[in-house]
Each structure stands twice: as C-alpha cells, then as structure tokens.
C-alpha cells in the first residue's frame, strides 16, 4: 500500500531526526536540556513504540546512531516487552538513551 509506505518513510525520517537531535543534546557540554531532551525523548519513544516492530527504518536509524545488535535487543526487551504503559516506556527509553549517548 502506497499510503502505508509513505507513512513509514516519514516516520523513519522523523525518528532519525529526533534521535539525532537528542543524541547531540545529550552529548553537548551544556548538560541536561530538559526543554529539548524531554520532548525529543517522548517523540522518539512514541515512534519507536508504535513502529519499531513493523518498519525497518526505525532499526536502521538506531544502527546509524551506533546501537549494536545486543543494544537493540536490550532496547526492545526493556521498552516494548517489560515496560507497561506509556510513562514506563518513556522512562526506560530515556535511561537507555542517556546511557548510550552520555556514557
């Protein structure tokens, strides 16, 4: 379906841009920028939760951001399988991203 393919492409691009912006903010010397990181983290989590299992563009963006296969597996387990509810997913995702990008 063409419409679904377009939606997947747009979601993949949006996810990639949000992930890149979040990584840049987390790696900056200015410390935590809640006004940037909070909304971007929420967006990344929402797109990941909705589309990660159906659209390879989401996984591709994470690989491009430096996630290994083991890290992707851990992310999927912690965010999609273990976290119950939107808030728990966001907390799990933010913790993983902070660990990845802040070291």
N, C-alpha and C. Protein backbone atom coordinates (compact mmCIF):
# COMPACT_ATOMS: atom_id res chain seq x y z
N UNK A 1 0.84 -1.18 0.00
CA UNK A 1 0.00 0.00 0.00
C UNK A 1 0.89 1.25 0.00
N UNK A 2 0.66 2.12 -0.94
CA UNK A 2 1.48 3.32 -1.12
C UNK A 2 1.37 4.25 0.08
N UNK A 3 0.18 4.43 0.59
CA UNK A 3 -0.02 5.32 1.73
C UNK A 3 0.76 4.84 2.95
N UNK A 4 0.72 3.55 3.22
CA UNK A 4 1.46 2.98 4.36
C UNK A 4 2.97 3.12 4.15
N UNK A 5 3.43 2.95 2.94
CA UNK A 5 4.85 3.12 2.65
C UNK A 5 5.29 4.57 2.87
N UNK A 6 4.45 5.50 2.49
CA UNK A 6 4.76 6.93 2.71
C UNK A 6 4.78 7.25 4.20
N UNK A 7 3.82 6.73 4.94
CA UNK A 7 3.79 6.94 6.39
C UNK A 7 5.04 6.38 7.05
N UNK A 8 5.44 5.20 6.63
CA UNK A 8 6.63 4.56 7.20
C UNK A 8 7.88 5.38 6.90
N UNK A 9 7.98 5.89 5.68
CA UNK A 9 9.12 6.70 5.29
C UNK A 9 9.18 7.99 6.11
N UNK A 10 8.06 8.65 6.26
CA UNK A 10 8.00 9.90 7.04
C UNK A 10 8.32 9.63 8.50
N UNK A 11 7.76 8.57 9.06
CA UNK A 11 8.03 8.22 10.46
C UNK A 11 9.50 7.89 10.65
N UNK A 12 10.09 7.19 9.70
CA UNK A 12 11.51 6.86 9.77
C UNK A 12 12.38 8.10 9.76
N UNK A 13 12.05 9.04 8.90
CA UNK A 13 12.81 10.30 8.81
C UNK A 13 12.64 11.13 10.08
N UNK A 14 11.42 11.20 10.58
CA UNK A 14 11.15 11.95 11.81
C UNK A 14 11.88 11.31 12.99
N UNK A 15 11.82 9.99 13.08
CA UNK A 15 12.51 9.28 14.15
C UNK A 15 14.01 9.53 14.08
N UNK A 16 14.57 9.43 12.90
CA UNK A 16 16.01 9.64 12.72
C UNK A 16 16.42 11.05 13.12
N UNK A 17 15.66 12.04 12.71
CA UNK A 17 15.97 13.44 13.04
C UNK A 17 15.84 13.68 14.54
N UNK A 18 14.79 13.16 15.16
CA UNK A 18 14.61 13.33 16.60
C UNK A 18 15.71 12.63 17.38
N UNK A 19 16.09 11.42 16.96
CA UNK A 19 17.15 10.68 17.63
C UNK A 19 18.49 11.41 17.50
N UNK A 20 18.75 11.95 16.33
CA UNK A 20 19.99 12.71 16.11
C UNK A 20 20.03 13.96 16.98
N UNK A 21 18.93 14.68 17.05
CA UNK A 21 18.87 15.88 17.89
C UNK A 21 19.02 15.55 19.36
N UNK A 22 18.42 14.46 19.78
CA UNK A 22 18.52 14.02 21.17
C UNK A 22 19.95 13.62 21.50
N UNK A 23 20.58 12.87 20.62
CA UNK A 23 21.97 12.47 20.84
C UNK A 23 22.88 13.69 20.93
N UNK A 24 22.69 14.65 20.05
CA UNK A 24 23.51 15.87 20.08
C UNK A 24 23.32 16.63 21.38
N UNK A 25 22.09 16.74 21.84
CA UNK A 25 21.82 17.45 23.08
C UNK A 25 22.44 16.72 24.26
N UNK A 26 22.32 15.40 24.29
CA UNK A 26 22.87 14.62 25.40
C UNK A 26 24.39 14.63 25.43
N UNK A 27 25.00 14.81 24.27
CA UNK A 27 26.45 14.81 24.19
C UNK A 27 27.06 16.20 24.34
N UNK A 28 26.23 17.22 24.40
CA UNK A 28 26.75 18.58 24.49
C UNK A 28 27.35 18.85 25.86
N UNK A 29 28.18 19.83 25.93
CA UNK A 29 28.85 20.18 27.17
C UNK A 29 27.95 21.00 28.09
N UNK A 30 26.79 21.39 27.63
CA UNK A 30 25.91 22.26 28.39
C UNK A 30 25.03 21.53 29.40
N UNK A 31 25.17 20.20 29.47
CA UNK A 31 24.38 19.44 30.44
C UNK A 31 22.97 19.16 29.96
N UNK A 32 22.15 18.68 30.87
CA UNK A 32 20.79 18.30 30.54
C UNK A 32 19.97 19.50 30.10
N UNK A 33 19.38 19.37 28.95
CA UNK A 33 18.49 20.41 28.45
C UNK A 33 17.09 19.83 28.41
N UNK A 34 16.41 19.89 29.53
CA UNK A 34 15.07 19.31 29.64
C UNK A 34 14.08 19.86 28.64
N UNK A 35 14.27 21.13 28.24
CA UNK A 35 13.36 21.72 27.27
C UNK A 35 13.52 21.11 25.89
N UNK A 36 14.67 20.51 25.63
CA UNK A 36 14.91 19.85 24.35
C UNK A 36 14.78 18.34 24.51
N UNK A 37 15.47 17.80 25.51
CA UNK A 37 15.54 16.36 25.66
C UNK A 37 14.21 15.71 26.04
N UNK A 38 13.44 16.37 26.87
CA UNK A 38 12.16 15.78 27.26
C UNK A 38 11.23 15.55 26.08
N UNK A 39 10.94 16.59 25.30
CA UNK A 39 10.05 16.39 24.14
C UNK A 39 10.63 15.44 23.09
N UNK A 40 11.94 15.55 22.82
CA UNK A 40 12.53 14.66 21.83
C UNK A 40 12.53 13.21 22.30
N UNK A 41 12.80 13.01 23.58
CA UNK A 41 12.77 11.66 24.14
C UNK A 41 11.37 11.07 24.04
N UNK A 42 10.36 11.88 24.32
CA UNK A 42 8.98 11.43 24.19
C UNK A 42 8.63 11.05 22.77
N UNK A 43 9.05 11.88 21.82
CA UNK A 43 8.78 11.62 20.41
C UNK A 43 9.47 10.35 19.95
N UNK A 44 10.74 10.20 20.31
CA UNK A 44 11.50 9.00 19.94
C UNK A 44 10.81 7.76 20.51
N UNK A 45 10.42 7.83 21.77
CA UNK A 45 9.77 6.69 22.42
C UNK A 45 8.44 6.36 21.76
N UNK A 46 7.63 7.38 21.48
CA UNK A 46 6.32 7.15 20.87
C UNK A 46 6.44 6.51 19.49
N UNK A 47 7.34 7.02 18.68
CA UNK A 47 7.52 6.45 17.33
C UNK A 47 8.08 5.04 17.44
N UNK A 48 9.07 4.86 18.30
CA UNK A 48 9.65 3.52 18.49
C UNK A 48 8.57 2.53 18.93
N UNK A 49 7.80 2.90 19.93
CA UNK A 49 6.76 2.02 20.45
C UNK A 49 5.72 1.65 19.41
N UNK A 50 5.39 2.59 18.56
CA UNK A 50 4.34 2.36 17.57
C UNK A 50 4.82 1.61 16.33
N UNK A 51 6.08 1.81 15.95
CA UNK A 51 6.51 1.33 14.64
C UNK A 51 7.73 0.42 14.61
N UNK A 52 8.43 0.25 15.71
CA UNK A 52 9.71 -0.46 15.68
C UNK A 52 9.60 -1.88 15.13
N UNK A 53 8.54 -2.56 15.45
CA UNK A 53 8.42 -3.94 15.01
C UNK A 53 7.94 -4.09 13.58
N UNK A 54 7.43 -3.00 12.99
CA UNK A 54 6.89 -3.09 11.63
C UNK A 54 7.72 -2.40 10.57
N UNK A 55 8.54 -1.45 10.98
CA UNK A 55 9.25 -0.66 9.98
C UNK A 55 10.76 -0.69 10.21
N UNK A 56 11.50 -1.25 9.27
CA UNK A 56 12.95 -1.36 9.41
C UNK A 56 13.67 -0.02 9.47
N UNK A 57 13.04 1.06 9.03
CA UNK A 57 13.68 2.38 9.08
C UNK A 57 14.00 2.79 10.51
N UNK A 58 13.19 2.34 11.46
CA UNK A 58 13.41 2.68 12.86
C UNK A 58 14.68 1.99 13.36
N UNK A 59 14.80 0.71 13.07
CA UNK A 59 16.01 -0.04 13.46
C UNK A 59 17.24 0.53 12.75
N UNK A 60 17.09 0.87 11.51
CA UNK A 60 18.20 1.43 10.73
C UNK A 60 18.71 2.74 11.37
N UNK A 61 17.80 3.59 11.81
CA UNK A 61 18.20 4.85 12.45
C UNK A 61 18.98 4.58 13.73
N UNK A 62 18.56 3.57 14.50
CA UNK A 62 19.26 3.22 15.73
C UNK A 62 20.65 2.66 15.44
N UNK A 63 20.76 1.85 14.41
CA UNK A 63 22.06 1.31 13.99
C UNK A 63 22.98 2.46 13.56
N UNK A 64 22.42 3.41 12.81
CA UNK A 64 23.21 4.57 12.38
C UNK A 64 23.67 5.42 13.56
N UNK A 65 22.90 5.38 14.66
CA UNK A 65 23.25 6.13 15.86
C UNK A 65 24.27 5.38 16.72
N UNK A 66 24.65 4.17 16.28
CA UNK A 66 25.70 3.43 16.97
C UNK A 66 25.23 2.29 17.85
N UNK A 67 23.96 1.91 17.76
CA UNK A 67 23.46 0.80 18.57
C UNK A 67 23.90 -0.53 17.96
N UNK A 68 24.42 -1.41 18.80
CA UNK A 68 24.80 -2.76 18.37
C UNK A 68 23.56 -3.66 18.39
N UNK A 69 23.71 -4.85 17.86
CA UNK A 69 22.61 -5.81 17.88
C UNK A 69 22.17 -6.13 19.30
N UNK A 70 23.15 -6.29 20.20
CA UNK A 70 22.82 -6.58 21.61
C UNK A 70 22.08 -5.40 22.25
N UNK A 71 22.50 -4.18 21.94
CA UNK A 71 21.82 -3.00 22.49
C UNK A 71 20.41 -2.87 21.93
N UNK A 72 20.23 -3.19 20.66
CA UNK A 72 18.89 -3.15 20.06
C UNK A 72 17.98 -4.19 20.71
N UNK A 73 18.53 -5.34 20.98
CA UNK A 73 17.76 -6.39 21.64
C UNK A 73 17.36 -5.96 23.05
N UNK A 74 18.30 -5.35 23.78
CA UNK A 74 18.03 -4.85 25.12
C UNK A 74 16.96 -3.75 25.08
N UNK A 75 17.08 -2.86 24.11
CA UNK A 75 16.10 -1.78 23.95
C UNK A 75 14.72 -2.34 23.71
N UNK A 76 14.61 -3.29 22.81
CA UNK A 76 13.32 -3.91 22.51
C UNK A 76 12.74 -4.58 23.75
N UNK A 77 13.56 -5.31 24.46
CA UNK A 77 13.09 -6.00 25.66
C UNK A 77 12.61 -5.01 26.71
N UNK A 78 13.43 -4.03 27.01
CA UNK A 78 13.11 -3.11 28.09
C UNK A 78 11.96 -2.16 27.77
N UNK A 79 11.89 -1.70 26.53
CA UNK A 79 10.87 -0.70 26.17
C UNK A 79 9.58 -1.35 25.68
N UNK A 80 9.68 -2.36 24.84
CA UNK A 80 8.47 -2.93 24.25
C UNK A 80 7.89 -4.10 25.03
N UNK A 81 8.73 -4.84 25.74
CA UNK A 81 8.25 -6.04 26.41
C UNK A 81 8.02 -5.84 27.91
N UNK A 82 8.99 -5.22 28.59
CA UNK A 82 8.93 -5.13 30.05
C UNK A 82 8.18 -3.90 30.55
N UNK A 83 8.32 -2.79 29.86
CA UNK A 83 7.68 -1.55 30.32
C UNK A 83 6.18 -1.62 30.05
N UNK A 84 5.41 -1.36 31.08
CA UNK A 84 3.96 -1.38 30.89
C UNK A 84 3.43 0.05 30.99
N UNK A 85 2.89 0.50 29.91
CA UNK A 85 2.34 1.85 29.86
C UNK A 85 3.31 2.85 29.26
N UNK A 86 2.73 3.94 28.80
CA UNK A 86 3.49 4.99 28.11
C UNK A 86 4.58 5.59 29.00
N UNK A 87 4.26 5.89 30.25
CA UNK A 87 5.24 6.51 31.13
C UNK A 87 6.42 5.58 31.38
N UNK A 88 6.15 4.32 31.62
CA UNK A 88 7.22 3.35 31.85
C UNK A 88 8.09 3.18 30.61
N UNK A 89 7.47 3.22 29.43
CA UNK A 89 8.24 3.13 28.19
C UNK A 89 9.16 4.34 28.04
N UNK A 90 8.65 5.52 28.35
CA UNK A 90 9.45 6.73 28.22
C UNK A 90 10.62 6.73 29.20
N UNK A 91 10.38 6.28 30.42
CA UNK A 91 11.45 6.22 31.42
C UNK A 91 12.52 5.22 30.98
N UNK A 92 12.10 4.06 30.50
CA UNK A 92 13.06 3.05 30.05
C UNK A 92 13.86 3.54 28.85
N UNK A 93 13.18 4.15 27.89
CA UNK A 93 13.86 4.64 26.69
C UNK A 93 14.85 5.74 27.04
N UNK A 94 14.43 6.67 27.87
CA UNK A 94 15.33 7.78 28.23
C UNK A 94 16.57 7.26 28.97
N UNK A 95 16.40 6.29 29.85
CA UNK A 95 17.54 5.71 30.56
C UNK A 95 18.52 5.05 29.60
N UNK A 96 17.99 4.33 28.63
CA UNK A 96 18.85 3.66 27.64
C UNK A 96 19.58 4.69 26.79
N UNK A 97 18.87 5.72 26.35
CA UNK A 97 19.49 6.74 25.51
C UNK A 97 20.54 7.53 26.28
N UNK A 98 20.27 7.83 27.53
CA UNK A 98 21.27 8.54 28.35
C UNK A 98 22.51 7.70 28.53
N UNK A 99 22.32 6.43 28.79
CA UNK A 99 23.47 5.54 28.95
C UNK A 99 24.27 5.48 27.64
N UNK A 100 23.59 5.41 26.53
CA UNK A 100 24.26 5.31 25.23
C UNK A 100 24.99 6.60 24.86
N UNK A 101 24.32 7.72 25.01
CA UNK A 101 24.87 8.97 24.49
C UNK A 101 25.65 9.78 25.51
N UNK A 102 25.45 9.51 26.78
CA UNK A 102 26.23 10.23 27.80
C UNK A 102 27.35 9.38 28.36
N UNK A 103 27.23 8.04 28.15
CA UNK A 103 28.26 7.12 28.62
C UNK A 103 28.31 7.06 30.04
